[in-house]
Amino acid sequence: MAAKNSIILQVFAFLVIVLPVANSIKFSYPAVFNFGDSNSDTGELGAGLGFNLPLPYGQTYFNPPSSSGRSCDGRLIVDFLSKFLTTCTTSGC
């Protein structure tokens, strides 16, 4: 029982020391890295599976599709998330 109390005390002491230091660090990253996930779908599912779908098979939000043949304007869900997080940090969300 004494060993269990000692471990709990050590964990508590560690948290008391580390958490204030971790909270005082300001992280300012100029970019968001997305290593491929469902939030990085650019609308090219047909090309990846080896068959062609009739256009348009993507959704444009702001501009017509580019001349590269893609049916999206290039913005990914992660772009919207990044904009939302930036807005929240500057306006206090």
PDB file of N, CA and C in Angstrom:
ATOM      1  N   MET A   1       0.818  -1.197   0.000  1.00  0.00           N
ATOM      2  CA  MET A   1       0.000   0.000   0.000  1.00  0.00           C
ATOM      3  C   MET A   1       0.863   1.262   0.000  1.00  0.00           C
ATOM      4  N   ALA A   2       1.984   1.198   0.698  1.00  0.00           N
ATOM      5  CA  ALA A   2       2.881   2.354   0.751  1.00  0.00           C
ATOM      6  C   ALA A   2       3.478   2.641  -0.621  1.00  0.00           C
ATOM      7  N   ALA A   3       3.758   1.586  -1.394  1.00  0.00           N
ATOM      8  CA  ALA A   3       4.321   1.774  -2.735  1.00  0.00           C
ATOM      9  C   ALA A   3       3.300   2.457  -3.651  1.00  0.00           C
ATOM     10  N   LYS A   4       2.029   2.087  -3.514  1.00  0.00           N
ATOM     11  CA  LYS A   4       0.983   2.693  -4.338  1.00  0.00           C
ATOM     12  C   LYS A   4       0.844   4.177  -4.007  1.00  0.00           C
ATOM     13  N   ASN A   5       0.869   4.520  -2.727  1.00  0.00           N
ATOM     14  CA  ASN A   5       0.784   5.920  -2.319  1.00  0.00           C
ATOM     15  C   ASN A   5       1.997   6.706  -2.805  1.00  0.00           C
ATOM     16  N   SER A   6       3.159   6.065  -2.802  1.00  0.00           N
ATOM     17  CA  SER A   6       4.378   6.722  -3.265  1.00  0.00           C
ATOM     18  C   SER A   6       4.298   7.042  -4.761  1.00  0.00           C
ATOM     19  N   ILE A   7       3.771   6.111  -5.545  1.00  0.00           N
ATOM     20  CA  ILE A   7       3.631   6.338  -6.984  1.00  0.00           C
ATOM     21  C   ILE A   7       2.640   7.468  -7.248  1.00  0.00           C
ATOM     22  N   ILE A   8       1.538   7.472  -6.543  1.00  0.00           N
ATOM     23  CA  ILE A   8       0.537   8.532  -6.707  1.00  0.00           C
ATOM     24  C   ILE A   8       1.138   9.885  -6.344  1.00  0.00           C
ATOM     25  N   LEU A   9       1.907   9.936  -5.272  1.00  0.00           N
ATOM     26  CA  LEU A   9       2.554  11.175  -4.860  1.00  0.00           C
ATOM     27  C   LEU A   9       3.571  11.636  -5.903  1.00  0.00           C
ATOM     28  N   GLN A  10       4.320  10.720  -6.478  1.00  0.00           N
ATOM     29  CA  GLN A  10       5.304  11.075  -7.503  1.00  0.00           C
ATOM     30  C   GLN A  10       4.618  11.613  -8.765  1.00  0.00           C
ATOM     31  N   VAL A  11       3.541  10.971  -9.178  1.00  0.00           N
ATOM     32  CA  VAL A  11       2.803  11.441 -10.355  1.00  0.00           C
ATOM     33  C   VAL A  11       2.226  12.831 -10.094  1.00  0.00           C
ATOM     34  N   PHE A  12       1.665  13.032  -8.933  1.00  0.00           N
ATOM     35  CA  PHE A  12       1.103  14.333  -8.578  1.00  0.00           C
ATOM     36  C   PHE A  12       2.186  15.412  -8.570  1.00  0.00           C
ATOM     37  N   ALA A  13       3.328  15.116  -7.965  1.00  0.00           N
ATOM     38  CA  ALA A  13       4.434  16.078  -7.927  1.00  0.00           C
ATOM     39  C   ALA A  13       4.929  16.394  -9.338  1.00  0.00           C
ATOM     40  N   PHE A  14       5.011  15.383 -10.181  1.00  0.00           N
ATOM     41  CA  PHE A  14       5.430  15.590 -11.566  1.00  0.00           C
ATOM     42  C   PHE A  14       4.467  16.527 -12.285  1.00  0.00           C
ATOM     43  N   LEU A  15       3.170  16.293 -12.118  1.00  0.00           N
ATOM     44  CA  LEU A  15       2.171  17.136 -12.777  1.00  0.00           C
ATOM     45  C   LEU A  15       2.204  18.568 -12.256  1.00  0.00           C
ATOM     46  N   VAL A  16       2.408  18.731 -10.960  1.00  0.00           N
ATOM     47  CA  VAL A  16       2.470  20.071 -10.370  1.00  0.00           C
ATOM     48  C   VAL A  16       3.657  20.851 -10.927  1.00  0.00           C
ATOM     49  N   ILE A  17       4.746  20.157 -11.200  1.00  0.00           N
ATOM     50  CA  ILE A  17       5.938  20.826 -11.729  1.00  0.00           C
ATOM     51  C   ILE A  17       5.830  21.052 -13.233  1.00  0.00           C
ATOM     52  N   VAL A  18       5.352  20.068 -13.980  1.00  0.00           N
ATOM     53  CA  VAL A  18       5.397  20.120 -15.441  1.00  0.00           C
ATOM     54  C   VAL A  18       4.259  20.941 -16.046  1.00  0.00           C
ATOM     55  N   LEU A  19       3.055  20.849 -15.528  1.00  0.00           N
ATOM     56  CA  LEU A  19       1.914  21.531 -16.149  1.00  0.00           C
ATOM     57  C   LEU A  19       2.066  23.048 -16.233  1.00  0.00           C
ATOM     58  N   PRO A  20       2.520  23.734 -15.190  1.00  0.00           N
ATOM     59  CA  PRO A  20       2.700  25.188 -15.353  1.00  0.00           C
ATOM     60  C   PRO A  20       3.728  25.548 -16.423  1.00  0.00           C
ATOM     61  N   VAL A  21       4.774  24.755 -16.535  1.00  0.00           N
ATOM     62  CA  VAL A  21       5.788  25.012 -17.564  1.00  0.00           C
ATOM     63  C   VAL A  21       5.202  24.765 -18.946  1.00  0.00           C
ATOM     64  N   ALA A  22       4.467  23.676 -19.105  1.00  0.00           N
ATOM     65  CA  ALA A  22       3.878  23.351 -20.407  1.00  0.00           C
ATOM     66  C   ALA A  22       2.840  24.388 -20.822  1.00  0.00           C
ATOM     67  N   ASN A  23       2.088  24.916 -19.889  1.00  0.00           N
ATOM     68  CA  ASN A  23       1.070  25.916 -20.220  1.00  0.00           C
ATOM     69  C   ASN A  23       1.666  27.278 -20.528  1.00  0.00           C
ATOM     70  N   SER A  24       2.890  27.543 -20.087  1.00  0.00           N
ATOM     71  CA  SER A  24       3.502  28.845 -20.330  1.00  0.00           C
ATOM     72  C   SER A  24       4.166  28.938 -21.698  1.00  0.00           C
ATOM     73  N   ILE A  25       4.346  27.822 -22.390  1.00  0.00           N
ATOM     74  CA  ILE A  25       4.986  27.822 -23.702  1.00  0.00           C
ATOM     75  C   ILE A  25       3.970  28.267 -24.749  1.00  0.00           C
ATOM     76  N   LYS A  26       4.354  29.238 -25.563  1.00  0.00           N
ATOM     77  CA  LYS A  26       3.488  29.718 -26.637  1.00  0.00           C
ATOM     78  C   LYS A  26       3.934  29.083 -27.946  1.00  0.00           C
ATOM     79  N   PHE A  27       3.042  28.355 -28.586  1.00  0.00           N
ATOM     80  CA  PHE A  27       3.341  27.718 -29.859  1.00  0.00           C
ATOM     81  C   PHE A  27       2.787  28.590 -30.978  1.00  0.00           C
ATOM     82  N   SER A  28       3.629  28.928 -31.924  1.00  0.00           N
ATOM     83  CA  SER A  28       3.215  29.740 -33.059  1.00  0.00           C
ATOM     84  C   SER A  28       3.756  29.096 -34.325  1.00  0.00           C
ATOM     85  N   TYR A  29       2.933  28.271 -34.946  1.00  0.00           N
ATOM     86  CA  TYR A  29       3.342  27.571 -36.150  1.00  0.00           C
ATOM     87  C   TYR A  29       2.794  28.293 -37.371  1.00  0.00           C
ATOM     88  N   PRO A  30       3.624  28.492 -38.398  1.00  0.00           N
ATOM     89  CA  PRO A  30       3.139  29.170 -39.594  1.00  0.00           C
ATOM     90  C   PRO A  30       2.378  28.255 -40.547  1.00  0.00           C
ATOM     91  N   ALA A  31       2.293  26.964 -40.235  1.00  0.00           N
ATOM     92  CA  ALA A  31       1.652  26.025 -41.158  1.00  0.00           C
ATOM     93  C   ALA A  31       0.981  24.904 -40.383  1.00  0.00           C
ATOM     94  N   VAL A  32       0.032  24.268 -41.032  1.00  0.00           N
ATOM     95  CA  VAL A  32      -0.617  23.075 -40.492  1.00  0.00           C
ATOM     96  C   VAL A  32      -0.237  21.921 -41.397  1.00  0.00           C
ATOM     97  N   PHE A  33       0.262  20.851 -40.823  1.00  0.00           N
ATOM     98  CA  PHE A  33       0.652  19.689 -41.611  1.00  0.00           C
ATOM     99  C   PHE A  33      -0.435  18.636 -41.523  1.00  0.00           C
ATOM    100  N   ASN A  34      -0.896  18.164 -42.663  1.00  0.00           N
ATOM    101  CA  ASN A  34      -1.922  17.138 -42.735  1.00  0.00           C
ATOM    102  C   ASN A  34      -1.326  15.947 -43.466  1.00  0.00           C
ATOM    103  N   PHE A  35      -1.207  14.834 -42.788  1.00  0.00           N
ATOM    104  CA  PHE A  35      -0.546  13.665 -43.355  1.00  0.00           C
ATOM    105  C   PHE A  35      -1.534  12.683 -43.962  1.00  0.00           C
ATOM    106  N   GLY A  36      -2.542  13.183 -44.637  1.00  0.00           N
ATOM    107  CA  GLY A  36      -3.489  12.344 -45.356  1.00  0.00           C
ATOM    108  C   GLY A  36      -4.509  11.706 -44.441  1.00  0.00           C
ATOM    109  N   ASP A  37      -5.734  12.054 -44.664  1.00  0.00           N
ATOM    110  CA  ASP A  37      -6.834  11.535 -43.866  1.00  0.00           C
ATOM    111  C   ASP A  37      -8.102  11.835 -44.654  1.00  0.00           C
ATOM    112  N   SER A  38      -9.236  11.529 -44.081  1.00  0.00           N
ATOM    113  CA  SER A  38     -10.484  11.810 -44.783  1.00  0.00           C
ATOM    114  C   SER A  38     -10.696  13.303 -44.969  1.00  0.00           C
ATOM    115  N   ASN A  39     -10.023  14.122 -44.165  1.00  0.00           N
ATOM    116  CA  ASN A  39     -10.176  15.561 -44.329  1.00  0.00           C
ATOM    117  C   ASN A  39      -9.251  16.136 -45.395  1.00  0.00           C
ATOM    118  N   SER A  40      -8.564  15.284 -46.155  1.00  0.00           N
ATOM    119  CA  SER A  40      -7.724  15.771 -47.253  1.00  0.00           C
ATOM    120  C   SER A  40      -8.187  15.216 -48.590  1.00  0.00           C
ATOM    121  N   ASP A  41      -9.467  14.955 -48.726  1.00  0.00           N
ATOM    122  CA  ASP A  41     -10.017  14.456 -49.983  1.00  0.00           C
ATOM    123  C   ASP A  41     -10.157  15.616 -50.958  1.00  0.00           C
ATOM    124  N   THR A  42      -9.522  15.509 -52.120  1.00  0.00           N
ATOM    125  CA  THR A  42      -9.570  16.587 -53.110  1.00  0.00           C
ATOM    126  C   THR A  42     -10.528  16.289 -54.243  1.00  0.00           C
ATOM    127  N   GLY A  43     -11.319  15.251 -54.154  1.00  0.00           N
ATOM    128  CA  GLY A  43     -12.306  14.960 -55.175  1.00  0.00           C
ATOM    129  C   GLY A  43     -11.795  14.101 -56.305  1.00  0.00           C
ATOM    130  N   GLU A  44     -10.668  13.466 -56.164  1.00  0.00           N
ATOM    131  CA  GLU A  44     -10.095  12.635 -57.222  1.00  0.00           C
ATOM    132  C   GLU A  44     -10.274  11.147 -56.927  1.00  0.00           C
ATOM    133  N   LEU A  45     -11.369  10.783 -56.316  1.00  0.00           N
ATOM    134  CA  LEU A  45     -11.613   9.384 -55.960  1.00  0.00           C
ATOM    135  C   LEU A  45     -11.667   8.495 -57.192  1.00  0.00           C
ATOM    136  N   GLY A  46     -12.289   8.954 -58.256  1.00  0.00           N
ATOM    137  CA  GLY A  46     -12.397   8.150 -59.475  1.00  0.00           C
ATOM    138  C   GLY A  46     -11.043   7.820 -60.070  1.00  0.00           C
ATOM    139  N   ALA A  47     -10.135   8.781 -60.082  1.00  0.00           N
ATOM    140  CA  ALA A  47      -8.800   8.539 -60.636  1.00  0.00           C
ATOM    141  C   ALA A  47      -8.034   7.542 -59.778  1.00  0.00           C
ATOM    142  N   GLY A  48      -8.225   7.602 -58.485  1.00  0.00           N
ATOM    143  CA  GLY A  48      -7.532   6.675 -57.599  1.00  0.00           C
ATOM    144  C   GLY A  48      -8.020   5.249 -57.740  1.00  0.00           C
ATOM    145  N   LEU A  49      -9.279   5.079 -58.102  1.00  0.00           N
ATOM    146  CA  LEU A  49      -9.842   3.739 -58.257  1.00  0.00           C
ATOM    147  C   LEU A  49      -9.707   3.214 -59.677  1.00  0.00           C
ATOM    148  N   GLY A  50      -9.264   4.049 -60.611  1.00  0.00           N
ATOM    149  CA  GLY A  50      -9.005   3.596 -61.968  1.00  0.00           C
ATOM    150  C   GLY A  50     -10.171   3.700 -62.927  1.00  0.00           C
ATOM    151  N   PHE A  51     -11.193   4.448 -62.598  1.00  0.00           N
ATOM    152  CA  PHE A  51     -12.289   4.650 -63.543  1.00  0.00           C
ATOM    153  C   PHE A  51     -12.656   6.129 -63.562  1.00  0.00           C
ATOM    154  N   ASN A  52     -13.269   6.546 -64.632  1.00  0.00           N
ATOM    155  CA  ASN A  52     -13.631   7.951 -64.799  1.00  0.00           C
ATOM    156  C   ASN A  52     -15.107   8.157 -64.516  1.00  0.00           C
ATOM    157  N   LEU A  53     -15.393   9.197 -63.789  1.00  0.00           N
ATOM    158  CA  LEU A  53     -16.766   9.603 -63.520  1.00  0.00           C
ATOM    159  C   LEU A  53     -17.068  10.827 -64.370  1.00  0.00           C
ATOM    160  N   PRO A  54     -18.324  11.020 -64.765  1.00  0.00           N
ATOM    161  CA  PRO A  54     -18.637  12.221 -65.541  1.00  0.00           C
ATOM    162  C   PRO A  54     -18.474  13.477 -64.678  1.00  0.00           C
ATOM    163  N   LEU A  55     -17.993  14.538 -65.306  1.00  0.00           N
ATOM    164  CA  LEU A  55     -17.826  15.798 -64.589  1.00  0.00           C
ATOM    165  C   LEU A  55     -19.179  16.442 -64.355  1.00  0.00           C
ATOM    166  N   PRO A  56     -19.433  17.212 -63.354  1.00  0.00           N
ATOM    167  CA  PRO A  56     -18.510  17.414 -62.246  1.00  0.00           C
ATOM    168  C   PRO A  56     -18.694  16.335 -61.193  1.00  0.00           C
ATOM    169  N   TYR A  57     -17.622  15.854 -60.649  1.00  0.00           N
ATOM    170  CA  TYR A  57     -17.702  14.852 -59.598  1.00  0.00           C
ATOM    171  C   TYR A  57     -17.114  15.370 -58.296  1.00  0.00           C
ATOM    172  N   GLY A  58     -16.884  16.648 -58.226  1.00  0.00           N
ATOM    173  CA  GLY A  58     -16.432  17.280 -56.996  1.00  0.00           C
ATOM    174  C   GLY A  58     -17.357  18.436 -56.690  1.00  0.00           C
ATOM    175  N   GLN A  59     -17.045  19.208 -55.698  1.00  0.00           N
ATOM    176  CA  GLN A  59     -17.872  20.353 -55.347  1.00  0.00           C
ATOM    177  C   GLN A  59     -16.973  21.574 -55.277  1.00  0.00           C
ATOM    178  N   THR A  60     -17.353  22.625 -55.958  1.00  0.00           N
ATOM    179  CA  THR A  60     -16.608  23.872 -55.860  1.00  0.00           C
ATOM    180  C   THR A  60     -17.306  24.763 -54.847  1.00  0.00           C
ATOM    181  N   TYR A  61     -16.518  25.467 -54.059  1.00  0.00           N
ATOM    182  CA  TYR A  61     -17.085  26.323 -53.025  1.00  0.00           C
ATOM    183  C   TYR A  61     -17.063  27.790 -53.425  1.00  0.00           C
ATOM    184  N   PHE A  62     -15.971  28.233 -54.053  1.00  0.00           N
ATOM    185  CA  PHE A  62     -15.809  29.658 -54.293  1.00  0.00           C
ATOM    186  C   PHE A  62     -15.543  29.991 -55.752  1.00  0.00           C
ATOM    187  N   ASN A  63     -14.781  29.166 -56.432  1.00  0.00           N
ATOM    188  CA  ASN A  63     -14.363  29.449 -57.797  1.00  0.00           C
ATOM    189  C   ASN A  63     -14.711  28.268 -58.692  1.00  0.00           C
ATOM    190  N   PRO A  64     -14.785  28.493 -60.010  1.00  0.00           N
ATOM    191  CA  PRO A  64     -14.983  27.353 -60.912  1.00  0.00           C
ATOM    192  C   PRO A  64     -13.759  26.438 -60.874  1.00  0.00           C
ATOM    193  N   PRO A  65     -13.915  25.196 -61.294  1.00  0.00           N
ATOM    194  CA  PRO A  65     -12.778  24.275 -61.281  1.00  0.00           C
ATOM    195  C   PRO A  65     -11.610  24.824 -62.088  1.00  0.00           C
ATOM    196  N   SER A  66     -10.414  24.492 -61.646  1.00  0.00           N
ATOM    197  CA  SER A  66      -9.217  24.996 -62.317  1.00  0.00           C
ATOM    198  C   SER A  66      -9.000  24.284 -63.646  1.00  0.00           C
ATOM    199  N   SER A  67      -8.058  24.782 -64.419  1.00  0.00           N
ATOM    200  CA  SER A  67      -7.787  24.204 -65.729  1.00  0.00           C
ATOM    201  C   SER A  67      -7.000  22.903 -65.636  1.00  0.00           C
ATOM    202  N   SER A  68      -6.669  22.467 -64.433  1.00  0.00           N
ATOM    203  CA  SER A  68      -5.903  21.231 -64.278  1.00  0.00           C
ATOM    204  C   SER A  68      -6.782  19.992 -64.380  1.00  0.00           C
ATOM    205  N   GLY A  69      -8.088  20.161 -64.524  1.00  0.00           N
ATOM    206  CA  GLY A  69      -8.980  19.025 -64.652  1.00  0.00           C
ATOM    207  C   GLY A  69      -9.576  18.568 -63.334  1.00  0.00           C
ATOM    208  N   ARG A  70      -9.175  19.190 -62.251  1.00  0.00           N
ATOM    209  CA  ARG A  70      -9.749  18.829 -60.960  1.00  0.00           C
ATOM    210  C   ARG A  70     -11.098  19.504 -60.789  1.00  0.00           C
ATOM    211  N   SER A  71     -11.982  18.866 -60.093  1.00  0.00           N
ATOM    212  CA  SER A  71     -13.316  19.430 -59.894  1.00  0.00           C
ATOM    213  C   SER A  71     -13.477  20.070 -58.530  1.00  0.00           C
ATOM    214  N   CYS A  72     -12.400  20.535 -57.969  1.00  0.00           N
ATOM    215  CA  CYS A  72     -12.501  21.306 -56.736  1.00  0.00           C
ATOM    216  C   CYS A  72     -11.608  22.526 -56.883  1.00  0.00           C
ATOM    217  N   ASP A  73     -11.774  23.484 -56.006  1.00  0.00           N
ATOM    218  CA  ASP A  73     -10.985  24.704 -56.099  1.00  0.00           C
ATOM    219  C   ASP A  73      -9.672  24.605 -55.335  1.00  0.00           C
ATOM    220  N   GLY A  74      -9.359  23.450 -54.802  1.00  0.00           N
ATOM    221  CA  GLY A  74      -8.090  23.256 -54.123  1.00  0.00           C
ATOM    222  C   GLY A  74      -8.154  23.388 -52.619  1.00  0.00           C
ATOM    223  N   ARG A  75      -9.257  23.856 -52.074  1.00  0.00           N
ATOM    224  CA  ARG A  75      -9.356  23.971 -50.622  1.00  0.00           C
ATOM    225  C   ARG A  75      -9.826  22.650 -50.043  1.00  0.00           C
ATOM    226  N   LEU A  76      -9.178  22.239 -48.978  1.00  0.00           N
ATOM    227  CA  LEU A  76      -9.508  20.994 -48.303  1.00  0.00           C
ATOM    228  C   LEU A  76     -10.211  21.300 -46.995  1.00  0.00           C
ATOM    229  N   ILE A  77     -10.773  20.287 -46.382  1.00  0.00           N
ATOM    230  CA  ILE A  77     -11.439  20.477 -45.095  1.00  0.00           C
ATOM    231  C   ILE A  77     -10.458  21.006 -44.064  1.00  0.00           C
ATOM    232  N   VAL A  78      -9.207  20.569 -44.148  1.00  0.00           N
ATOM    233  CA  VAL A  78      -8.206  21.047 -43.198  1.00  0.00           C
ATOM    234  C   VAL A  78      -7.978  22.556 -43.354  1.00  0.00           C
ATOM    235  N   ASP A  79      -8.175  23.102 -44.549  1.00  0.00           N
ATOM    236  CA  ASP A  79      -8.071  24.551 -44.743  1.00  0.00           C
ATOM    237  C   ASP A  79      -9.172  25.284 -43.985  1.00  0.00           C
ATOM    238  N   PHE A  80     -10.379  24.747 -44.024  1.00  0.00           N
ATOM    239  CA  PHE A  80     -11.484  25.352 -43.286  1.00  0.00           C
ATOM    240  C   PHE A  80     -11.262  25.229 -41.778  1.00  0.00           C
ATOM    241  N   LEU A  81     -10.751  24.084 -41.330  1.00  0.00           N
ATOM    242  CA  LEU A  81     -10.460  23.912 -39.906  1.00  0.00           C
ATOM    243  C   LEU A  81      -9.390  24.889 -39.447  1.00  0.00           C
ATOM    244  N   SER A  82      -8.365  25.061 -40.249  1.00  0.00           N
ATOM    245  CA  SER A  82      -7.292  25.990 -39.915  1.00  0.00           C
ATOM    246  C   SER A  82      -7.812  27.419 -39.829  1.00  0.00           C
ATOM    247  N   LYS A  83      -8.653  27.798 -40.775  1.00  0.00           N
ATOM    248  CA  LYS A  83      -9.222  29.147 -40.749  1.00  0.00           C
ATOM    249  C   LYS A  83     -10.094  29.331 -39.512  1.00  0.00           C
ATOM    250  N   PHE A  84     -10.880  28.314 -39.160  1.00  0.00           N
ATOM    251  CA  PHE A  84     -11.727  28.396 -37.974  1.00  0.00           C
ATOM    252  C   PHE A  84     -10.884  28.540 -36.715  1.00  0.00           C
ATOM    253  N   LEU A  85      -9.819  27.747 -36.598  1.00  0.00           N
ATOM    254  CA  LEU A  85      -8.968  27.813 -35.412  1.00  0.00           C
ATOM    255  C   LEU A  85      -8.249  29.151 -35.324  1.00  0.00           C
ATOM    256  N   THR A  86      -7.821  29.690 -36.453  1.00  0.00           N
ATOM    257  CA  THR A  86      -7.177  31.003 -36.457  1.00  0.00           C
ATOM    258  C   THR A  86      -8.167  32.075 -36.033  1.00  0.00           C
ATOM    259  N   THR A  87      -9.388  31.990 -36.519  1.00  0.00           N
ATOM    260  CA  THR A  87     -10.423  32.946 -36.139  1.00  0.00           C
ATOM    261  C   THR A  87     -10.731  32.839 -34.657  1.00  0.00           C
ATOM    262  N   CYS A  88     -10.783  31.614 -34.151  1.00  0.00           N
ATOM    263  CA  CYS A  88     -11.085  31.418 -32.733  1.00  0.00           C
ATOM    264  C   CYS A  88      -9.981  31.971 -31.846  1.00  0.00           C
ATOM    265  N   THR A  89      -8.737  31.815 -32.251  1.00  0.00           N
ATOM    266  CA  THR A  89      -7.651  32.291 -31.399  1.00  0.00           C
ATOM    267  C   THR A  89      -7.548  33.808 -31.419  1.00  0.00           C
ATOM    268  N   THR A  90      -7.936  34.448 -32.524  1.00  0.00           N
ATOM    269  CA  THR A  90      -7.843  35.905 -32.584  1.00  0.00           C
ATOM    270  C   THR A  90      -9.079  36.591 -32.015  1.00  0.00           C
ATOM    271  N   SER A  91     -10.239  35.947 -32.089  1.00  0.00           N
ATOM    272  CA  SER A  91     -11.466  36.592 -31.608  1.00  0.00           C
ATOM    273  C   SER A  91     -11.919  36.081 -30.246  1.00  0.00           C
ATOM    274  N   GLY A  92     -11.283  35.053 -29.733  1.00  0.00           N
ATOM    275  CA  GLY A  92     -11.644  34.544 -28.426  1.00  0.00           C
ATOM    276  C   GLY A  92     -12.734  33.498 -28.438  1.00  0.00           C
ATOM    277  N   CYS A  93     -13.261  33.141 -29.548  1.00  0.00           N
ATOM    278  CA  CYS A  93     -14.241  32.080 -29.797  1.00  0.00           C
ATOM    279  C   CYS A  93     -14.980  31.712 -28.552  1.00  0.00           C
TER     280      CYS A  93
END
